[in-house]
Every structure is written in C-alpha cells, then in structure tokens.
Full PDB file with SEQRES, HELIX, SHEET, SSBOND, CRYST1, ORIGX, SCALE, CONECT and MASTER records, all heavy atoms in Angstrom:
SEQRES   1 A   31  ILE GLU VAL ARG ILE GLU GLN LEU LYS GLU GLU ALA ASP          
SEQRES   2 A   31  LYS ILE LYS ASP HIS GLN TRP PRO GLU ASP MET VAL SER          
SEQRES   3 A   31  ASP LYS GLN TRP TYR                                          
HELIX    1 AA1 GLU A    2  LYS A   14  1                                  13    
HELIX    2 AA2 ASP A   27  TRP A   30  1                                   4    
CRYST1    1.000    1.000    1.000  90.00  90.00  90.00 P 1           1          
ORIGX1      1.000000  0.000000  0.000000        0.00000                         
ORIGX2      0.000000  1.000000  0.000000        0.00000                         
ORIGX3      0.000000  0.000000  1.000000        0.00000                         
SCALE1      1.000000  0.000000  0.000000        0.00000                         
SCALE2      0.000000  1.000000  0.000000        0.00000                         
SCALE3      0.000000  0.000000  1.000000        0.00000                         
ATOM      1  N   ILE A   1     -16.200 -46.989  -2.099  1.00  0.00           N  
ATOM      2  CA  ILE A   1     -15.155 -47.951  -2.167  1.00  0.00           C  
ATOM      3  C   ILE A   1     -14.497 -48.089  -0.834  1.00  0.00           C  
ATOM      4  O   ILE A   1     -14.223 -49.232  -0.360  1.00  0.00           O  
ATOM      5  CB  ILE A   1     -14.153 -47.590  -3.321  1.00  0.00           C  
ATOM      6  CG1 ILE A   1     -14.851 -47.685  -4.679  1.00  0.00           C  
ATOM      7  CG2 ILE A   1     -12.957 -48.458  -3.286  1.00  0.00           C  
ATOM      8  CD1 ILE A   1     -14.013 -47.213  -5.851  1.00  0.00           C  
ATOM      9  N   GLU A   2     -14.194 -47.007  -0.196  1.00  0.00           N  
ATOM     10  CA  GLU A   2     -13.549 -47.122   1.158  1.00  0.00           C  
ATOM     11  C   GLU A   2     -14.453 -47.773   2.065  1.00  0.00           C  
ATOM     12  O   GLU A   2     -14.047 -48.694   2.864  1.00  0.00           O  
ATOM     13  CB  GLU A   2     -13.251 -45.670   1.638  1.00  0.00           C  
ATOM     14  CG  GLU A   2     -12.147 -45.009   0.892  1.00  0.00           C  
ATOM     15  CD  GLU A   2     -11.914 -43.541   1.306  1.00  0.00           C  
ATOM     16  OE1 GLU A   2     -12.509 -43.176   2.272  1.00  0.00           O  
ATOM     17  OE2 GLU A   2     -11.131 -42.826   0.642  1.00  0.00           O  
ATOM     18  N   VAL A   3     -15.729 -47.438   2.155  1.00  0.00           N  
ATOM     19  CA  VAL A   3     -16.697 -48.092   3.030  1.00  0.00           C  
ATOM     20  C   VAL A   3     -16.758 -49.537   2.749  1.00  0.00           C  
ATOM     21  O   VAL A   3     -16.709 -50.383   3.645  1.00  0.00           O  
ATOM     22  CB  VAL A   3     -18.124 -47.532   2.895  1.00  0.00           C  
ATOM     23  CG1 VAL A   3     -19.078 -48.215   3.784  1.00  0.00           C  
ATOM     24  CG2 VAL A   3     -17.979 -45.986   3.548  1.00  0.00           C  
ATOM     25  N   ARG A   4     -16.874 -49.889   1.472  1.00  0.00           N  
ATOM     26  CA  ARG A   4     -17.015 -51.394   1.141  1.00  0.00           C  
ATOM     27  C   ARG A   4     -15.701 -52.199   1.443  1.00  0.00           C  
ATOM     28  O   ARG A   4     -15.919 -53.282   1.912  1.00  0.00           O  
ATOM     29  CB  ARG A   4     -17.338 -51.500  -0.424  1.00  0.00           C  
ATOM     30  CG  ARG A   4     -17.763 -52.868  -0.692  1.00  0.00           C  
ATOM     31  CD  ARG A   4     -18.979 -53.283  -0.070  1.00  0.00           C  
ATOM     32  NE  ARG A   4     -19.287 -54.737  -0.368  1.00  0.00           N  
ATOM     33  CZ  ARG A   4     -19.621 -55.632   0.492  1.00  0.00           C  
ATOM     34  NH1 ARG A   4     -19.674 -55.294   1.768  1.00  0.00           N  
ATOM     35  NH2 ARG A   4     -19.839 -56.836   0.216  1.00  0.00           N  
ATOM     36  N   ILE A   5     -14.589 -51.609   1.259  1.00  0.00           N  
ATOM     37  CA  ILE A   5     -13.375 -52.291   1.682  1.00  0.00           C  
ATOM     38  C   ILE A   5     -13.347 -52.533   3.089  1.00  0.00           C  
ATOM     39  O   ILE A   5     -13.035 -53.700   3.507  1.00  0.00           O  
ATOM     40  CB  ILE A   5     -12.093 -51.394   1.292  1.00  0.00           C  
ATOM     41  CG1 ILE A   5     -11.933 -51.353  -0.233  1.00  0.00           C  
ATOM     42  CG2 ILE A   5     -10.832 -51.909   1.975  1.00  0.00           C  
ATOM     43  CD1 ILE A   5     -10.924 -50.457  -0.713  1.00  0.00           C  
ATOM     44  N   GLU A   6     -13.758 -51.628   3.926  1.00  0.00           N  
ATOM     45  CA  GLU A   6     -13.846 -51.876   5.420  1.00  0.00           C  
ATOM     46  C   GLU A   6     -14.788 -52.882   5.794  1.00  0.00           C  
ATOM     47  O   GLU A   6     -14.538 -53.685   6.537  1.00  0.00           O  
ATOM     48  CB  GLU A   6     -14.082 -50.546   6.163  1.00  0.00           C  
ATOM     49  CG  GLU A   6     -12.847 -49.572   6.100  1.00  0.00           C  
ATOM     50  CD  GLU A   6     -11.662 -50.089   6.657  1.00  0.00           C  
ATOM     51  OE1 GLU A   6     -11.569 -50.833   7.668  1.00  0.00           O  
ATOM     52  OE2 GLU A   6     -10.576 -49.979   5.886  1.00  0.00           O  
ATOM     53  N   GLN A   7     -16.011 -52.951   5.085  1.00  0.00           N  
ATOM     54  CA  GLN A   7     -16.934 -53.887   5.377  1.00  0.00           C  
ATOM     55  C   GLN A   7     -16.444 -55.380   5.059  1.00  0.00           C  
ATOM     56  O   GLN A   7     -16.606 -56.246   5.856  1.00  0.00           O  
ATOM     57  CB  GLN A   7     -18.215 -53.621   4.443  1.00  0.00           C  
ATOM     58  CG  GLN A   7     -19.040 -52.543   5.068  1.00  0.00           C  
ATOM     59  CD  GLN A   7     -20.160 -52.169   3.980  1.00  0.00           C  
ATOM     60  OE1 GLN A   7     -20.119 -52.502   2.856  1.00  0.00           O  
ATOM     61  NE2 GLN A   7     -21.206 -51.369   4.532  1.00  0.00           N  
ATOM     62  N   LEU A   8     -15.747 -55.466   3.929  1.00  0.00           N  
ATOM     63  CA  LEU A   8     -15.154 -56.688   3.439  1.00  0.00           C  
ATOM     64  C   LEU A   8     -14.160 -57.238   4.461  1.00  0.00           C  
ATOM     65  O   LEU A   8     -14.010 -58.414   4.738  1.00  0.00           O  
ATOM     66  CB  LEU A   8     -14.691 -56.574   2.102  1.00  0.00           C  
ATOM     67  CG  LEU A   8     -15.728 -56.406   0.915  1.00  0.00           C  
ATOM     68  CD1 LEU A   8     -15.015 -56.100  -0.318  1.00  0.00           C  
ATOM     69  CD2 LEU A   8     -16.466 -57.689   0.808  1.00  0.00           C  
ATOM     70  N   LYS A   9     -13.391 -56.298   4.856  1.00  0.00           N  
ATOM     71  CA  LYS A   9     -12.325 -56.604   5.908  1.00  0.00           C  
ATOM     72  C   LYS A   9     -12.889 -57.236   7.188  1.00  0.00           C  
ATOM     73  O   LYS A   9     -12.457 -58.240   7.699  1.00  0.00           O  
ATOM     74  CB  LYS A   9     -11.372 -55.447   6.298  1.00  0.00           C  
ATOM     75  CG  LYS A   9     -10.446 -55.067   5.197  1.00  0.00           C  
ATOM     76  CD  LYS A   9      -9.567 -53.800   5.636  1.00  0.00           C  
ATOM     77  CE  LYS A   9      -8.681 -53.454   4.513  1.00  0.00           C  
ATOM     78  NZ  LYS A   9      -7.833 -52.220   4.943  1.00  0.00           N  
ATOM     79  N   GLU A  10     -13.994 -56.555   7.617  1.00  0.00           N  
ATOM     80  CA  GLU A  10     -14.698 -57.001   8.758  1.00  0.00           C  
ATOM     81  C   GLU A  10     -15.315 -58.461   8.619  1.00  0.00           C  
ATOM     82  O   GLU A  10     -15.157 -59.254   9.434  1.00  0.00           O  
ATOM     83  CB  GLU A  10     -15.839 -55.978   9.167  1.00  0.00           C  
ATOM     84  CG  GLU A  10     -15.205 -54.700   9.806  1.00  0.00           C  
ATOM     85  CD  GLU A  10     -16.277 -53.698  10.097  1.00  0.00           C  
ATOM     86  OE1 GLU A  10     -17.530 -54.034  10.102  1.00  0.00           O  
ATOM     87  OE2 GLU A  10     -15.896 -52.492  10.283  1.00  0.00           O  
ATOM     88  N   GLU A  11     -15.866 -58.552   7.450  1.00  0.00           N  
ATOM     89  CA  GLU A  11     -16.568 -59.777   7.054  1.00  0.00           C  
ATOM     90  C   GLU A  11     -15.473 -60.992   7.018  1.00  0.00           C  
ATOM     91  O   GLU A  11     -15.738 -62.053   7.468  1.00  0.00           O  
ATOM     92  CB  GLU A  11     -17.292 -59.786   5.717  1.00  0.00           C  
ATOM     93  CG  GLU A  11     -18.486 -58.920   5.813  1.00  0.00           C  
ATOM     94  CD  GLU A  11     -19.250 -58.681   4.495  1.00  0.00           C  
ATOM     95  OE1 GLU A  11     -19.020 -59.412   3.698  1.00  0.00           O  
ATOM     96  OE2 GLU A  11     -19.873 -57.586   4.404  1.00  0.00           O  
ATOM     97  N   ALA A  12     -14.370 -60.710   6.366  1.00  0.00           N  
ATOM     98  CA  ALA A  12     -13.309 -61.675   6.191  1.00  0.00           C  
ATOM     99  C   ALA A  12     -12.749 -62.023   7.627  1.00  0.00           C  
ATOM    100  O   ALA A  12     -12.430 -63.154   7.746  1.00  0.00           O  
ATOM    101  CB  ALA A  12     -12.219 -61.068   5.376  1.00  0.00           C  
ATOM    102  N   ASP A  13     -12.636 -61.053   8.549  1.00  0.00           N  
ATOM    103  CA  ASP A  13     -12.182 -61.462   9.909  1.00  0.00           C  
ATOM    104  C   ASP A  13     -13.051 -62.411  10.652  1.00  0.00           C  
ATOM    105  O   ASP A  13     -12.694 -63.122  11.622  1.00  0.00           O  
ATOM    106  CB  ASP A  13     -11.903 -60.216  10.741  1.00  0.00           C  
ATOM    107  CG  ASP A  13     -10.822 -59.405  10.233  1.00  0.00           C  
ATOM    108  OD1 ASP A  13      -9.824 -59.857   9.514  1.00  0.00           O  
ATOM    109  OD2 ASP A  13     -10.625 -58.159  10.554  1.00  0.00           O  
ATOM    110  N   LYS A  14     -14.358 -62.418  10.310  1.00  0.00           N  
ATOM    111  CA  LYS A  14     -15.339 -63.296  10.851  1.00  0.00           C  
ATOM    112  C   LYS A  14     -15.256 -64.695  10.453  1.00  0.00           C  
ATOM    113  O   LYS A  14     -15.849 -65.700  10.988  1.00  0.00           O  
ATOM    114  CB  LYS A  14     -16.819 -62.765  10.793  1.00  0.00           C  
ATOM    115  CG  LYS A  14     -16.948 -61.431  11.514  1.00  0.00           C  
ATOM    116  CD  LYS A  14     -18.211 -60.956  11.179  1.00  0.00           C  
ATOM    117  CE  LYS A  14     -18.427 -59.499  11.938  1.00  0.00           C  
ATOM    118  NZ  LYS A  14     -19.832 -58.872  11.445  1.00  0.00           N  
ATOM    119  N   ILE A  15     -14.647 -64.942   9.276  1.00  0.00           N  
ATOM    120  CA  ILE A  15     -14.576 -66.339   8.656  1.00  0.00           C  
ATOM    121  C   ILE A  15     -13.493 -67.140   9.261  1.00  0.00           C  
ATOM    122  O   ILE A  15     -12.455 -66.740   9.621  1.00  0.00           O  
ATOM    123  CB  ILE A  15     -14.252 -66.161   7.127  1.00  0.00           C  
ATOM    124  CG1 ILE A  15     -15.320 -65.391   6.401  1.00  0.00           C  
ATOM    125  CG2 ILE A  15     -14.045 -67.672   6.575  1.00  0.00           C  
ATOM    126  CD1 ILE A  15     -14.927 -65.180   4.986  1.00  0.00           C  
ATOM    127  N   LYS A  16     -14.122 -68.391   9.683  1.00  0.00           N  
ATOM    128  CA  LYS A  16     -13.099 -69.293  10.326  1.00  0.00           C  
ATOM    129  C   LYS A  16     -12.355 -69.921   9.303  1.00  0.00           C  
ATOM    130  O   LYS A  16     -12.790 -70.276   8.222  1.00  0.00           O  
ATOM    131  CB  LYS A  16     -13.978 -70.410  11.096  1.00  0.00           C  
ATOM    132  CG  LYS A  16     -14.774 -69.892  12.242  1.00  0.00           C  
ATOM    133  CD  LYS A  16     -15.254 -71.174  12.997  1.00  0.00           C  
ATOM    134  CE  LYS A  16     -16.090 -70.783  14.152  1.00  0.00           C  
ATOM    135  NZ  LYS A  16     -16.305 -69.631  14.850  1.00  0.00           N  
ATOM    136  N   ASP A  17     -11.075 -70.185   9.615  1.00  0.00           N  
ATOM    137  CA  ASP A  17     -10.247 -70.810   8.709  1.00  0.00           C  
ATOM    138  C   ASP A  17     -10.558 -72.371   8.551  1.00  0.00           C  
ATOM    139  O   ASP A  17     -10.790 -73.039   9.540  1.00  0.00           O  
ATOM    140  CB  ASP A  17      -8.672 -70.746   9.083  1.00  0.00           C  
ATOM    141  CG  ASP A  17      -8.223 -69.322   8.885  1.00  0.00           C  
ATOM    142  OD1 ASP A  17      -8.547 -68.703   7.893  1.00  0.00           O  
ATOM    143  OD2 ASP A  17      -7.452 -68.852   9.761  1.00  0.00           O  
ATOM    144  N   HIS A  18     -10.567 -72.863   7.295  1.00  0.00           N  
ATOM    145  CA  HIS A  18     -10.890 -74.213   6.981  1.00  0.00           C  
ATOM    146  C   HIS A  18      -9.714 -74.864   6.219  1.00  0.00           C  
ATOM    147  O   HIS A  18      -9.016 -74.069   5.473  1.00  0.00           O  
ATOM    148  CB  HIS A  18     -12.167 -74.387   6.307  1.00  0.00           C  
ATOM    149  CG  HIS A  18     -13.393 -73.951   6.944  1.00  0.00           C  
ATOM    150  ND1 HIS A  18     -13.957 -74.704   8.047  1.00  0.00           N  
ATOM    151  CD2 HIS A  18     -14.162 -72.883   6.842  1.00  0.00           C  
ATOM    152  CE1 HIS A  18     -14.948 -73.946   8.478  1.00  0.00           C  
ATOM    153  NE2 HIS A  18     -15.179 -72.837   7.842  1.00  0.00           N  
ATOM    154  N   GLN A  19      -9.638 -76.045   6.158  1.00  0.00           N  
ATOM    155  CA  GLN A  19      -8.730 -76.714   5.293  1.00  0.00           C  
ATOM    156  C   GLN A  19      -9.334 -76.858   3.891  1.00  0.00           C  
ATOM    157  O   GLN A  19     -10.357 -77.417   3.771  1.00  0.00           O  
ATOM    158  CB  GLN A  19      -8.308 -78.090   5.834  1.00  0.00           C  
ATOM    159  CG  GLN A  19      -7.459 -78.044   6.988  1.00  0.00           C  
ATOM    160  CD  GLN A  19      -6.130 -77.456   6.798  1.00  0.00           C  
ATOM    161  OE1 GLN A  19      -5.663 -77.068   5.699  1.00  0.00           O  
ATOM    162  NE2 GLN A  19      -5.266 -77.535   7.730  1.00  0.00           N  
ATOM    163  N   TRP A  20      -8.756 -76.296   2.827  1.00  0.00           N  
ATOM    164  CA  TRP A  20      -9.193 -76.342   1.535  1.00  0.00           C  
ATOM    165  C   TRP A  20      -8.268 -77.246   0.576  1.00  0.00           C  
ATOM    166  O   TRP A  20      -7.118 -77.170   0.811  1.00  0.00           O  
ATOM    167  CB  TRP A  20      -9.410 -74.988   0.968  1.00  0.00           C  
ATOM    168  CG  TRP A  20     -10.468 -74.086   1.611  1.00  0.00           C  
ATOM    169  CD1 TRP A  20     -10.085 -73.286   2.629  1.00  0.00           C  
ATOM    170  CD2 TRP A  20     -11.834 -73.999   1.371  1.00  0.00           C  
ATOM    171  NE1 TRP A  20     -11.310 -72.598   3.060  1.00  0.00           N  
ATOM    172  CE2 TRP A  20     -12.272 -73.105   2.293  1.00  0.00           C  
ATOM    173  CE3 TRP A  20     -12.639 -74.672   0.522  1.00  0.00           C  
ATOM    174  CZ2 TRP A  20     -13.661 -72.723   2.370  1.00  0.00           C  
ATOM    175  CZ3 TRP A  20     -14.023 -74.320   0.425  1.00  0.00           C  
ATOM    176  CH2 TRP A  20     -14.428 -73.383   1.405  1.00  0.00           C  
ATOM    177  N   PRO A  21      -8.987 -77.935  -0.403  1.00  0.00           N  
ATOM    178  CA  PRO A  21      -8.023 -78.624  -1.247  1.00  0.00           C  
ATOM    179  C   PRO A  21      -7.191 -77.523  -1.952  1.00  0.00           C  
ATOM    180  O   PRO A  21      -7.644 -76.389  -2.106  1.00  0.00           O  
ATOM    181  CB  PRO A  21      -9.017 -79.156  -2.339  1.00  0.00           C  
ATOM    182  CG  PRO A  21     -10.332 -79.349  -1.477  1.00  0.00           C  
ATOM    183  CD  PRO A  21     -10.389 -78.213  -0.577  1.00  0.00           C  
ATOM    184  N   GLU A  22      -6.013 -78.032  -2.486  1.00  0.00           N  
ATOM    185  CA  GLU A  22      -5.039 -77.042  -3.055  1.00  0.00           C  
ATOM    186  C   GLU A  22      -5.677 -76.280  -4.236  1.00  0.00           C  
ATOM    187  O   GLU A  22      -5.313 -75.125  -4.613  1.00  0.00           O  
ATOM    188  CB  GLU A  22      -3.860 -77.838  -3.423  1.00  0.00           C  
ATOM    189  CG  GLU A  22      -2.812 -78.153  -2.397  1.00  0.00           C  
ATOM    190  CD  GLU A  22      -1.591 -78.742  -2.848  1.00  0.00           C  
ATOM    191  OE1 GLU A  22      -1.121 -78.357  -3.952  1.00  0.00           O  
ATOM    192  OE2 GLU A  22      -1.079 -79.510  -2.079  1.00  0.00           O  
ATOM    193  N   ASP A  23      -6.597 -76.916  -5.015  1.00  0.00           N  
ATOM    194  CA  ASP A  23      -7.090 -76.274  -6.223  1.00  0.00           C  
ATOM    195  C   ASP A  23      -8.284 -75.266  -5.935  1.00  0.00           C  
ATOM    196  O   ASP A  23      -8.875 -74.812  -6.797  1.00  0.00           O  
ATOM    197  CB  ASP A  23      -7.478 -77.257  -7.314  1.00  0.00           C  
ATOM    198  CG  ASP A  23      -8.584 -78.291  -6.632  1.00  0.00           C  
ATOM    199  OD1 ASP A  23      -8.726 -78.437  -5.599  1.00  0.00           O  
ATOM    200  OD2 ASP A  23      -9.261 -78.932  -7.590  1.00  0.00           O  
ATOM    201  N   MET A  24      -8.692 -75.140  -4.609  1.00  0.00           N  
ATOM    202  CA  MET A  24      -9.712 -74.333  -4.284  1.00  0.00           C  
ATOM    203  C   MET A  24      -9.268 -73.038  -3.546  1.00  0.00           C  
ATOM    204  O   MET A  24      -8.378 -73.173  -2.784  1.00  0.00           O  
ATOM    205  CB  MET A  24     -10.789 -75.060  -3.441  1.00  0.00           C  
ATOM    206  CG  MET A  24     -11.560 -76.199  -4.184  1.00  0.00           C  
ATOM    207  SD  MET A  24     -12.775 -76.942  -3.188  1.00  0.00           S  
ATOM    208  CE  MET A  24     -13.971 -75.538  -2.891  1.00  0.00           C  
ATOM    209  N   VAL A  25      -9.866 -71.976  -3.786  1.00  0.00           N  
ATOM    210  CA  VAL A  25      -9.595 -70.736  -3.098  1.00  0.00           C  
ATOM    211  C   VAL A  25     -10.419 -70.658  -1.810  1.00  0.00           C  
ATOM    212  O   VAL A  25     -11.630 -70.836  -1.870  1.00  0.00           O  
ATOM    213  CB  VAL A  25      -9.885 -69.547  -4.090  1.00  0.00           C  
ATOM    214  CG1 VAL A  25      -9.707 -68.216  -3.360  1.00  0.00           C  
ATOM    215  CG2 VAL A  25      -9.046 -69.587  -5.327  1.00  0.00           C  
ATOM    216  N   SER A  26      -9.739 -70.325  -0.720  1.00  0.00           N  
ATOM    217  CA  SER A  26     -10.505 -70.104   0.523  1.00  0.00           C  
ATOM    218  C   SER A  26     -11.360 -68.866   0.483  1.00  0.00           C  
ATOM    219  O   SER A  26     -11.141 -67.998  -0.351  1.00  0.00           O  
ATOM    220  CB  SER A  26      -9.587 -70.094   1.744  1.00  0.00           C  
ATOM    221  OG  SER A  26      -8.936 -68.882   1.797  1.00  0.00           O  
ATOM    222  N   ASP A  27     -12.422 -68.863   1.401  1.00  0.00           N  
ATOM    223  CA  ASP A  27     -13.200 -67.703   1.481  1.00  0.00           C  
ATOM    224  C   ASP A  27     -12.449 -66.385   1.862  1.00  0.00           C  
ATOM    225  O   ASP A  27     -12.693 -65.422   1.191  1.00  0.00           O  
ATOM    226  CB  ASP A  27     -14.227 -67.888   2.564  1.00  0.00           C  
ATOM    227  CG  ASP A  27     -15.299 -68.964   2.233  1.00  0.00           C  
ATOM    228  OD1 ASP A  27     -15.411 -69.248   0.938  1.00  0.00           O  
ATOM    229  OD2 ASP A  27     -15.961 -69.457   3.030  1.00  0.00           O  
ATOM    230  N   LYS A  28     -11.464 -66.599   2.705  1.00  0.00           N  
ATOM    231  CA  LYS A  28     -10.638 -65.462   3.018  1.00  0.00           C  
ATOM    232  C   LYS A  28      -9.759 -64.946   1.878  1.00  0.00           C  
ATOM    233  O   LYS A  28      -9.644 -63.766   1.623  1.00  0.00           O  
ATOM    234  CB  LYS A  28      -9.666 -65.724   4.175  1.00  0.00           C  
ATOM    235  CG  LYS A  28     -10.361 -65.628   5.564  1.00  0.00           C  
ATOM    236  CD  LYS A  28      -9.420 -65.743   6.665  1.00  0.00           C  
ATOM    237  CE  LYS A  28     -10.161 -65.522   8.001  1.00  0.00           C  
ATOM    238  NZ  LYS A  28      -9.260 -65.341   9.078  1.00  0.00           N  
ATOM    239  N   GLN A  29      -9.211 -65.877   1.081  1.00  0.00           N  
ATOM    240  CA  GLN A  29      -8.490 -65.460  -0.205  1.00  0.00           C  
ATOM    241  C   GLN A  29      -9.419 -64.779  -1.175  1.00  0.00           C  
ATOM    242  O   GLN A  29      -9.045 -63.754  -1.763  1.00  0.00           O  
ATOM    243  CB  GLN A  29      -7.998 -66.788  -0.724  1.00  0.00           C  
ATOM    244  CG  GLN A  29      -6.730 -67.265   0.007  1.00  0.00           C  
ATOM    245  CD  GLN A  29      -6.215 -68.593  -0.689  1.00  0.00           C  
ATOM    246  OE1 GLN A  29      -7.097 -69.498  -0.983  1.00  0.00           O  
ATOM    247  NE2 GLN A  29      -4.968 -68.724  -0.943  1.00  0.00           N  
ATOM    248  N   TRP A  30     -10.766 -65.141  -1.223  1.00  0.00           N  
ATOM    249  CA  TRP A  30     -11.677 -64.619  -2.123  1.00  0.00           C  
ATOM    250  C   TRP A  30     -11.903 -63.106  -1.627  1.00  0.00           C  
ATOM    251  O   TRP A  30     -11.921 -62.157  -2.430  1.00  0.00           O  
ATOM    252  CB  TRP A  30     -12.941 -65.330  -2.205  1.00  0.00           C  
ATOM    253  CG  TRP A  30     -13.915 -64.797  -3.238  1.00  0.00           C  
ATOM    254  CD1 TRP A  30     -15.090 -64.216  -2.854  1.00  0.00           C  
ATOM    255  CD2 TRP A  30     -13.775 -64.718  -4.621  1.00  0.00           C  
ATOM    256  NE1 TRP A  30     -15.640 -63.772  -4.052  1.00  0.00           N  
ATOM    257  CE2 TRP A  30     -14.797 -64.102  -5.125  1.00  0.00           C  
ATOM    258  CE3 TRP A  30     -12.720 -65.126  -5.480  1.00  0.00           C  
ATOM    259  CZ2 TRP A  30     -15.080 -63.968  -6.531  1.00  0.00           C  
ATOM    260  CZ3 TRP A  30     -12.933 -64.868  -6.802  1.00  0.00           C  
ATOM    261  CH2 TRP A  30     -14.021 -64.380  -7.247  1.00  0.00           C  
ATOM    262  N   TYR A  31     -12.056 -62.895  -0.320  1.00  0.00           N  
ATOM    263  CA  TYR A  31     -12.370 -61.593   0.223  1.00  0.00           C  
ATOM    264  C   TYR A  31     -11.153 -60.719   0.031  1.00  0.00           C  
ATOM    265  O   TYR A  31     -11.371 -59.535  -0.466  1.00  0.00           O  
ATOM    266  CB  TYR A  31     -12.622 -61.626   1.710  1.00  0.00           C  
ATOM    267  CG  TYR A  31     -14.126 -61.939   2.035  1.00  0.00           C  
ATOM    268  CD1 TYR A  31     -14.522 -63.192   2.335  1.00  0.00           C  
ATOM    269  CD2 TYR A  31     -14.914 -60.789   2.145  1.00  0.00           C  
ATOM    270  CE1 TYR A  31     -15.837 -63.313   2.731  1.00  0.00           C  
ATOM    271  CE2 TYR A  31     -16.289 -61.067   2.493  1.00  0.00           C  
ATOM    272  CZ  TYR A  31     -16.798 -62.240   2.720  1.00  0.00           C  
ATOM    273  OH  TYR A  31     -18.046 -62.456   3.085  1.00  0.00           O  
TER     274      TYR A  31                                                      
MASTER        0    0    0    2    0    0    0    6  273    1    0    3          
END                                                                             
C-alpha cells in the first residue's frame, strides 16, 4: 500500500492540468 501510494503520487505529478467540464473529474482528482 505504501509503495503504491508513492507510485500514484509520482504518476499524478506527471499529469498536465487540463480544463475539464464541471461534471467531469480530472485525472489528478482521480489519482
């Protein structure tokens, strides 16, 4: 669990921010 949390944090940091419609969840929010 600890290892996977760190991997997900690293992956989320690589995602570029995009403009999403209000009813959609961004990739970073999903991570």
